[in-house]
Amino acid sequence: MNVPIGKLKANPTNPRVLRDEKFLKLKASIQSFPDMLNYRGIVAVTDTDGKFMVLGGNMRLRAIQDLGIKEVPVMLADHWTEEQRREFIIKDNVGFGEWDWDQLANEWDADELDDWGLDFPGAEIAEIDAPELADGPKPEYQQMTFTLHDSQAETVKAAMDKAKAEGAAESDVNENSNGNALAYLAAAFLNG
């Protein structure tokens, strides 16, 4: 059933929040694909004041309010026990599956996935401010952050230590020995 936004109220004990950029992405996804709400509506229960308290979709409700949408599909769960309601609040926000990152990388557009709110683990690349060099313009630098399993991290560290021992950490462009060693390893792999 479609319910006017004024009849809905957020759950005051909702333990899940979206902040800043993720909330903006949620709003953008609703704005660009509003029909999605018809298939992923809000789950609520009738409260003592006759309003519908949200069990599932508190952040969607907040985004919908910000966007000025006047009504939203709601599924009522009045028949659930208090324990079932509490269980749903958590289970609705738990991700049970895992992403197949290789398939996503090969079959989907990374910018679209980012716009849709999917956070990629692994390499995050950000431009960083680099100082001017005495003999010319500043080089272009990027900062990369990787998320690795402990065994993978040990392998990468050992390879970087070996590369440094072989002199790969020396560079006239960058004083970061870890970055130079990693670049050396990547070049050796690509050329190898």
Foldseek 3Di string as FASTA:
>chain_A
DKDFLVLEDEDPPQPDDDDDPLLVLLLVVCVVPVCVQVVVPFEFEQDPVRGTYTLPCRSVSVSCVVVVPTIGDYDYDNVDDPVVSVVCSVVNPDDPDDDPVVCCVVPHDPVVCVSNRDDDAAWDKDWDDFDQDPVGGADTDIDIDGDDDPVVVVVLVVQLVVQVVVVQQDDPRDNPSSVSSVVVVVVVVVVD
